[in-house]
C-alpha atoms as a PDB file:
ATOM      1  CA  MET A   1     126.387  31.824  85.573  1.00  0.00           C
ATOM      2  CA  GLU A   2     127.976  28.875  84.037  1.00  0.00           C
ATOM      3  CA  ASN A   3     130.779  29.889  81.640  1.00  0.00           C
ATOM      4  CA  LYS A   4     129.742  29.314  77.784  1.00  0.00           C
ATOM      5  CA  ILE A   5     131.171  27.411  74.941  1.00  0.00           C
ATOM      6  CA  ASP A   6     132.661  28.720  72.140  1.00  0.00           C
ATOM      7  CA  ILE A   7     132.058  27.136  68.801  1.00  0.00           C
ATOM      8  CA  VAL A   8     133.252  27.166  65.345  1.00  0.00           C
ATOM      9  CA  MET A   9     130.371  26.126  62.812  1.00  0.00           C
ATOM     10  CA  SER A  10     131.758  24.156  59.997  1.00  0.00           C
ATOM     11  CA  TRP A  11     130.063  26.159  57.445  1.00  0.00           C
ATOM     12  CA  SER A  12     128.800  24.701  53.638  1.00  0.00           C
ATOM     13  CA  GLY A  13     126.765  27.582  53.540  1.00  0.00           C
ATOM     14  CA  GLY A  14     123.255  25.087  52.531  1.00  0.00           C
ATOM     15  CA  LYS A  15     120.290  23.839  54.561  1.00  0.00           C
ATOM     16  CA  ASP A  16     121.798  21.938  57.072  1.00  0.00           C
ATOM     17  CA  SER A  17     124.561  24.062  58.148  1.00  0.00           C
ATOM     18  CA  ALA A  18     122.171  26.924  58.143  1.00  0.00           C
ATOM     19  CA  PHE A  19     119.856  24.643  60.205  1.00  0.00           C
ATOM     20  CA  ALA A  20     122.420  23.772  62.476  1.00  0.00           C
ATOM     21  CA  LEU A  21     123.505  27.138  63.241  1.00  0.00           C
ATOM     22  CA  HIS A  22     120.119  27.850  63.885  1.00  0.00           C
ATOM     23  CA  GLN A  23     120.140  25.386  67.381  1.00  0.00           C
ATOM     24  CA  LEU A  24     123.516  26.762  68.195  1.00  0.00           C
ATOM     25  CA  LEU A  25     122.629  30.447  68.045  1.00  0.00           C
ATOM     26  CA  ASN A  26     119.393  29.539  69.649  1.00  0.00           C
ATOM     27  CA  ASP A  27     121.434  26.919  72.659  1.00  0.00           C
ATOM     28  CA  LYS A  28     122.272  29.202  75.637  1.00  0.00           C
ATOM     29  CA  ARG A  29     125.263  27.307  76.802  1.00  0.00           C
ATOM     30  CA  TYR A  30     126.992  28.316  73.246  1.00  0.00           C
ATOM     31  CA  VAL A  31     128.871  30.729  71.648  1.00  0.00           C
ATOM     32  CA  VAL A  32     129.494  30.539  67.716  1.00  0.00           C
ATOM     33  CA  LYS A  33     132.820  33.031  67.101  1.00  0.00           C
ATOM     34  CA  TYR A  34     133.469  31.892  63.803  1.00  0.00           C
ATOM     35  CA  LEU A  35     132.159  30.296  60.215  1.00  0.00           C
ATOM     36  CA  LEU A  36     134.851  27.908  58.559  1.00  0.00           C
ATOM     37  CA  THR A  37     134.461  27.098  54.932  1.00  0.00           C
ATOM     38  CA  THR A  38     136.324  25.515  52.605  1.00  0.00           C
ATOM     39  CA  ILE A  39     136.422  27.184  48.696  1.00  0.00           C
ATOM     40  CA  TYR A  40     138.609  25.163  45.747  1.00  0.00           C
ATOM     41  CA  GLY A  41     140.728  27.272  45.037  1.00  0.00           C
ATOM     42  CA  PRO A  42     140.727  27.112  41.020  1.00  0.00           C
ATOM     43  CA  ASN A  43     137.372  28.505  40.572  1.00  0.00           C
ATOM     44  CA  LYS A  44     136.291  30.342  43.763  1.00  0.00           C
ATOM     45  CA  ARG A  45     133.663  28.045  45.331  1.00  0.00           C
ATOM     46  CA  VAL A  46     132.222  25.462  47.571  1.00  0.00           C
ATOM     47  CA  SER A  47     133.182  21.966  46.014  1.00  0.00           C
ATOM     48  CA  MET A  48     129.790  20.193  45.280  1.00  0.00           C
ATOM     49  CA  HIS A  49     127.436  22.583  45.867  1.00  0.00           C
ATOM     50  CA  GLY A  50     129.204  25.337  42.706  1.00  0.00           C
ATOM     51  CA  VAL A  51     128.470  28.038  45.253  1.00  0.00           C
ATOM     52  CA  PRO A  52     131.063  31.026  44.906  1.00  0.00           C
ATOM     53  CA  GLU A  53     132.901  32.862  47.604  1.00  0.00           C
ATOM     54  CA  THR A  54     132.033  36.077  47.548  1.00  0.00           C
ATOM     55  CA  LEU A  55     128.299  34.374  47.767  1.00  0.00           C
ATOM     56  CA  ILE A  56     129.499  32.530  50.571  1.00  0.00           C
ATOM     57  CA  ILE A  57     130.977  35.593  52.370  1.00  0.00           C
ATOM     58  CA  GLN A  58     127.452  37.716  52.085  1.00  0.00           C
ATOM     59  CA  GLN A  59     125.735  34.930  54.227  1.00  0.00           C
ATOM     60  CA  ALA A  60     128.436  35.578  56.884  1.00  0.00           C
ATOM     61  CA  GLU A  61     128.024  39.185  56.884  1.00  0.00           C
ATOM     62  CA  SER A  62     124.656  39.599  56.737  1.00  0.00           C
ATOM     63  CA  ILE A  63     124.828  36.553  59.898  1.00  0.00           C
ATOM     64  CA  GLY A  64     127.378  38.276  61.303  1.00  0.00           C
ATOM     65  CA  ILE A  65     130.046  35.930  62.527  1.00  0.00           C
ATOM     66  CA  PRO A  66     133.383  36.341  61.269  1.00  0.00           C
ATOM     67  CA  LEU A  67     134.007  33.540  57.836  1.00  0.00           C
ATOM     68  CA  LYS A  68     137.066  31.353  58.545  1.00  0.00           C
ATOM     69  CA  ILE A  69     138.273  29.846  54.668  1.00  0.00           C
ATOM     70  CA  ILE A  70     140.373  27.247  53.951  1.00  0.00           C
ATOM     71  CA  TYR A  71     141.492  26.903  50.255  1.00  0.00           C
ATOM     72  CA  ILE A  72     142.211  23.978  48.335  1.00  0.00           C
ATOM     73  CA  SER A  73     143.714  23.891  45.699  1.00  0.00           C
ATOM     74  CA  GLU A  74     144.226  19.985  44.611  1.00  0.00           C
ATOM     75  CA  SER A  75     140.615  18.739  45.897  1.00  0.00           C
ATOM     76  CA  THR A  76     142.499  15.445  47.581  1.00  0.00           C
ATOM     77  CA  HIS A  77     142.436  14.086  51.120  1.00  0.00           C
ATOM     78  CA  GLU A  78     146.016  14.376  51.581  1.00  0.00           C
ATOM     79  CA  GLU A  79     145.703  18.638  51.299  1.00  0.00           C
ATOM     80  CA  TYR A  80     143.000  18.884  52.848  1.00  0.00           C
ATOM     81  CA  ASP A  81     143.119  17.277  56.268  1.00  0.00           C
ATOM     82  CA  ILE A  82     146.734  19.179  56.317  1.00  0.00           C
ATOM     83  CA  LYS A  83     145.207  21.997  55.870  1.00  0.00           C
ATOM     84  CA  MET A  84     142.248  21.675  58.267  1.00  0.00           C
ATOM     85  CA  LYS A  85     144.804  20.543  61.338  1.00  0.00           C
ATOM     86  CA  ALA A  86     146.188  23.228  60.758  1.00  0.00           C
ATOM     87  CA  VAL A  87     143.264  25.944  60.843  1.00  0.00           C
ATOM     88  CA  LEU A  88     142.357  23.873  64.430  1.00  0.00           C
ATOM     89  CA  LEU A  89     145.201  23.878  65.920  1.00  0.00           C
ATOM     90  CA  ALA A  90     145.031  28.484  65.522  1.00  0.00           C
ATOM     91  CA  PHE A  91     140.921  27.424  66.813  1.00  0.00           C
ATOM     92  CA  LYS A  92     142.720  25.845  69.956  1.00  0.00           C
ATOM     93  CA  ALA A  93     145.376  28.324  70.419  1.00  0.00           C
ATOM     94  CA  GLU A  94     141.929  31.184  71.041  1.00  0.00           C
ATOM     95  CA  ASN A  95     140.574  28.616  73.369  1.00  0.00           C
ATOM     96  CA  ILE A  96     138.165  27.084  71.106  1.00  0.00           C
ATOM     97  CA  ILE A  97     137.857  23.408  71.229  1.00  0.00           C
ATOM     98  CA  HIS A  98     134.922  22.516  69.538  1.00  0.00           C
ATOM     99  CA  VAL A  99     133.496  22.492  65.878  1.00  0.00           C
ATOM    100  CA  ALA A 100     129.775  22.018  65.134  1.00  0.00           C
ATOM    101  CA  PHE A 101     128.500  20.248  61.984  1.00  0.00           C
ATOM    102  CA  GLY A 102     125.405  19.864  60.371  1.00  0.00           C
ATOM    103  CA  ASP A 103     125.646  16.537  59.911  1.00  0.00           C
ATOM    104  CA  ILE A 104     122.798  13.821  59.864  1.00  0.00           C
ATOM    105  CA  PHE A 105     122.381   9.833  60.022  1.00  0.00           C
ATOM    106  CA  LEU A 106     126.204   9.233  58.022  1.00  0.00           C
ATOM    107  CA  GLU A 107     127.857   7.622  60.958  1.00  0.00           C
ATOM    108  CA  ASP A 108     131.436   7.371  58.441  1.00  0.00           C
ATOM    109  CA  LEU A 109     131.451  10.888  58.548  1.00  0.00           C
ATOM    110  CA  LYS A 110     131.283  11.818  62.041  1.00  0.00           C
ATOM    111  CA  ALA A 111     133.194   8.853  63.081  1.00  0.00           C
ATOM    112  CA  TYR A 112     136.634  10.357  60.599  1.00  0.00           C
ATOM    113  CA  ARG A 113     135.284  13.950  61.941  1.00  0.00           C
ATOM    114  CA  VAL A 114     135.635  13.166  65.186  1.00  0.00           C
ATOM    115  CA  LYS A 115     138.901  11.392  65.156  1.00  0.00           C
ATOM    116  CA  ARG A 116     140.693  14.654  63.203  1.00  0.00           C
ATOM    117  CA  LEU A 117     139.407  16.254  65.952  1.00  0.00           C
ATOM    118  CA  GLN A 118     140.864  14.463  68.417  1.00  0.00           C
ATOM    119  CA  GLU A 119     143.800  14.384  67.019  1.00  0.00           C
ATOM    120  CA  VAL A 120     144.379  17.786  67.626  1.00  0.00           C
ATOM    121  CA  GLY A 121     142.510  17.663  71.572  1.00  0.00           C
ATOM    122  CA  MET A 122     139.164  19.269  69.974  1.00  0.00           C
ATOM    123  CA  GLU A 123     135.553  18.126  70.117  1.00  0.00           C
ATOM    124  CA  ALA A 124     132.370  17.552  67.277  1.00  0.00           C
ATOM    125  CA  ILE A 125     129.359  18.758  68.335  1.00  0.00           C
ATOM    126  CA  PHE A 126     126.003  17.684  65.787  1.00  0.00           C
ATOM    127  CA  PRO A 127     123.299  20.220  66.737  1.00  0.00           C
ATOM    128  CA  LEU A 128     120.868  17.888  64.201  1.00  0.00           C
ATOM    129  CA  TRP A 129     122.199  14.361  64.716  1.00  0.00           C
ATOM    130  CA  LYS A 130     119.813  11.872  64.497  1.00  0.00           C
ATOM    131  CA  ARG A 131     116.686  13.700  64.033  1.00  0.00           C
ATOM    132  CA  ASP A 132     114.408  12.495  61.673  1.00  0.00           C
ATOM    133  CA  THR A 133     115.081  13.897  57.993  1.00  0.00           C
ATOM    134  CA  SER A 134     111.363  14.242  57.058  1.00  0.00           C
ATOM    135  CA  ALA A 135     110.632  16.558  60.242  1.00  0.00           C
ATOM    136  CA  LEU A 136     113.486  17.892  60.255  1.00  0.00           C
ATOM    137  CA  SER A 137     112.633  19.631  56.381  1.00  0.00           C
ATOM    138  CA  LEU A 138     109.585  20.590  57.403  1.00  0.00           C
ATOM    139  CA  LYS A 139     110.620  22.152  60.743  1.00  0.00           C
ATOM    140  CA  PHE A 140     113.198  23.790  58.256  1.00  0.00           C
ATOM    141  CA  ILE A 141     110.527  25.797  55.538  1.00  0.00           C
ATOM    142  CA  LYS A 142     108.317  27.059  58.725  1.00  0.00           C
ATOM    143  CA  ASN A 143     111.006  28.223  59.987  1.00  0.00           C
ATOM    144  CA  GLY A 144     111.100  30.977  57.459  1.00  0.00           C
ATOM    145  CA  PHE A 145     114.221  29.815  56.118  1.00  0.00           C
ATOM    146  CA  LYS A 146     114.932  30.560  52.267  1.00  0.00           C
ATOM    147  CA  THR A 147     117.030  27.886  49.765  1.00  0.00           C
ATOM    148  CA  HIS A 148     118.341  27.625  46.801  1.00  0.00           C
ATOM    149  CA  ILE A 149     119.158  23.684  45.199  1.00  0.00           C
ATOM    150  CA  CYS A 150     122.387  24.742  43.986  1.00  0.00           C
ATOM    151  CA  SER A 151     123.289  21.137  42.630  1.00  0.00           C
ATOM    152  CA  ILE A 152     121.773  17.776  42.399  1.00  0.00           C
ATOM    153  CA  ASP A 153     122.919  14.466  40.803  1.00  0.00           C
ATOM    154  CA  ALA A 154     121.653  13.890  37.454  1.00  0.00           C
ATOM    155  CA  SER A 155     121.220  10.222  37.704  1.00  0.00           C
ATOM    156  CA  LYS A 156     119.051  10.238  41.056  1.00  0.00           C
ATOM    157  CA  ILE A 157     116.991  13.915  41.007  1.00  0.00           C
ATOM    158  CA  PRO A 158     114.480  14.677  38.268  1.00  0.00           C
ATOM    159  CA  ASN A 159     116.430  17.459  36.175  1.00  0.00           C
ATOM    160  CA  ASN A 160     113.829  20.255  36.310  1.00  0.00           C
ATOM    161  CA  LEU A 161     114.555  20.463  40.543  1.00  0.00           C
ATOM    162  CA  ILE A 162     118.090  21.901  40.000  1.00  0.00           C
ATOM    163  CA  GLY A 163     117.127  26.269  40.742  1.00  0.00           C
ATOM    164  CA  VAL A 164     114.203  26.240  42.689  1.00  0.00           C
ATOM    165  CA  ASP A 165     113.492  26.469  45.760  1.00  0.00           C
ATOM    166  CA  TYR A 166     113.464  24.169  48.987  1.00  0.00           C
ATOM    167  CA  SER A 167     110.248  23.928  50.061  1.00  0.00           C
ATOM    168  CA  GLU A 168     107.091  20.746  50.360  1.00  0.00           C
ATOM    169  CA  GLU A 169     106.229  20.817  46.795  1.00  0.00           C
ATOM    170  CA  PHE A 170     110.487  20.872  46.193  1.00  0.00           C
ATOM    171  CA  LEU A 171     110.250  17.866  48.321  1.00  0.00           C
ATOM    172  CA  LYS A 172     107.113  15.955  47.280  1.00  0.00           C
ATOM    173  CA  GLU A 173     108.853  16.080  43.670  1.00  0.00           C
ATOM    174  CA  LEU A 174     111.254  14.103  45.270  1.00  0.00           C
ATOM    175  CA  PRO A 175     111.854  10.726  44.423  1.00  0.00           C
ATOM    176  CA  ILE A 176     110.386   8.324  47.422  1.00  0.00           C
ATOM    177  CA  ASN A 177     114.049   6.222  48.059  1.00  0.00           C
ATOM    178  CA  ILE A 178     115.625  10.490  48.032  1.00  0.00           C
ATOM    179  CA  ASP A 179     116.555  11.555  51.567  1.00  0.00           C
ATOM    180  CA  PRO A 180     114.431  14.755  51.667  1.00  0.00           C
ATOM    181  CA  CYS A 181     117.698  16.528  53.292  1.00  0.00           C
ATOM    182  CA  GLY A 182     119.476  14.740  50.980  1.00  0.00           C
ATOM    183  CA  GLU A 183     121.563  13.105  53.197  1.00  0.00           C
ATOM    184  CA  ASN A 184     123.777  10.816  50.532  1.00  0.00           C
ATOM    185  CA  GLY A 185     124.643  13.620  48.514  1.00  0.00           C
ATOM    186  CA  GLU A 186     121.874  13.998  46.323  1.00  0.00           C
ATOM    187  CA  PHE A 187     121.237  17.486  46.433  1.00  0.00           C
ATOM    188  CA  HIS A 188     123.069  21.077  47.860  1.00  0.00           C
ATOM    189  CA  SER A 189     121.640  23.804  48.715  1.00  0.00           C
ATOM    190  CA  TYR A 190     122.784  27.687  49.106  1.00  0.00           C
ATOM    191  CA  CYS A 191     120.248  29.664  52.079  1.00  0.00           C
ATOM    192  CA  TYR A 192     119.375  33.492  51.127  1.00  0.00           C
ATOM    193  CA  ASP A 193     117.004  34.490  53.889  1.00  0.00           C
ATOM    194  CA  GLY A 194     115.994  33.248  56.967  1.00  0.00           C
ATOM    195  CA  PRO A 195     115.799  33.773  60.910  1.00  0.00           C
ATOM    196  CA  LEU A 196     119.725  33.697  60.830  1.00  0.00           C
ATOM    197  CA  PHE A 197     120.281  36.398  57.994  1.00  0.00           C
ATOM    198  CA  HIS A 198     119.712  40.310  59.203  1.00  0.00           C
ATOM    199  CA  LYS A 199     118.841  41.195  55.502  1.00  0.00           C
ATOM    200  CA  LYS A 200     117.692  38.975  52.638  1.00  0.00           C
ATOM    201  CA  LEU A 201     120.386  37.878  50.344  1.00  0.00           C
ATOM    202  CA  GLU A 202     120.412  38.911  47.058  1.00  0.00           C
ATOM    203  CA  PHE A 203     121.480  36.204  43.689  1.00  0.00           C
ATOM    204  CA  THR A 204     121.744  36.214  39.727  1.00  0.00           C
ATOM    205  CA  ILE A 205     121.038  32.987  38.442  1.00  0.00           C
ATOM    206  CA  ASN A 206     122.439  33.002  34.754  1.00  0.00           C
ATOM    207  CA  GLY A 207     121.989  29.089  33.764  1.00  0.00           C
ATOM    208  CA  VAL A 208     122.336  25.682  34.127  1.00  0.00           C
ATOM    209  CA  SER A 209     125.290  24.139  34.047  1.00  0.00           C
ATOM    210  CA  GLU A 210     126.746  19.537  34.116  1.00  0.00           C
ATOM    211  CA  GLN A 211     129.931  18.331  35.489  1.00  0.00           C
ATOM    212  CA  SER A 212     130.771  14.850  35.452  1.00  0.00           C
ATOM    213  CA  TYR A 213     133.205  13.235  38.739  1.00  0.00           C
ATOM    214  CA  GLU A 214     134.515   9.808  38.654  1.00  0.00           C
ATOM    215  CA  HIS A 215     134.678   8.480  42.219  1.00  0.00           C
ATOM    216  CA  ASP A 216     135.297   4.381  43.075  1.00  0.00           C
ATOM    217  CA  GLY A 217     135.384   3.073  39.371  1.00  0.00           C
ATOM    218  CA  GLN A 218     131.630   4.821  38.709  1.00  0.00           C
ATOM    219  CA  LYS A 219     130.764   8.068  36.920  1.00  0.00           C
ATOM    220  CA  PHE A 220     128.294  10.699  38.768  1.00  0.00           C
ATOM    221  CA  LYS A 221     127.065  13.210  36.526  1.00  0.00           C
ATOM    222  CA  TYR A 222     125.526  16.573  38.464  1.00  0.00           C
ATOM    223  CA  LEU A 223     124.016  19.255  37.366  1.00  0.00           C
ATOM    224  CA  PHE A 224     124.395  22.683  38.827  1.00  0.00           C
ATOM    225  CA  SER A 225     122.378  25.979  38.970  1.00  0.00           C
ATOM    226  CA  ASP A 226     125.294  28.949  37.953  1.00  0.00           C
ATOM    227  CA  ILE A 227     124.885  31.518  41.024  1.00  0.00           C
ATOM    228  CA  SER A 228     126.121  35.194  41.530  1.00  0.00           C
END
């Protein structure tokens, strides 16, 4: 019998990483040894998702896979790269040389991940790569996953869609130019139930908050569902 490949799953807590993990767990070639999440230290949340660390920990416990966390304090690429390299080398010391990601079609992001892994002699796996996002979104829902829309780009997404579930009704309300999987960062999600989990995760919705960001001279406004 061929030896299985040990994998680390890059884990945001959202639908794409959840569905990618689901694919891996149903593929006899692989064994997922760890989930790997980056947390912004000052607020103990996943950046851009706004999901608190405690809910990510609950996900990992319900899934039954050990969670490794990288804490970022400055939100810079340099800090991220340095800390990520150290963690990757620790995985490599355990003879794990594969990391999986939930990316679907962003070529520049894929190239970045592949390059960083190659620098430490590791390889990337993309279980959802080049899948049709319209078909993928419907399959995800029909597979029984339940996901909360935890952040949206307020300039692109109708504001009434923050804090709702990712569903066929949600997809019907998206503007026609918005990717149904939010692959361009139009929205982010928190997966709380589905075939990955031993039990449904409970969380509280505490309202909606707003934050503005500046990138390459442009300003962006995001709405966050404050969950705990």
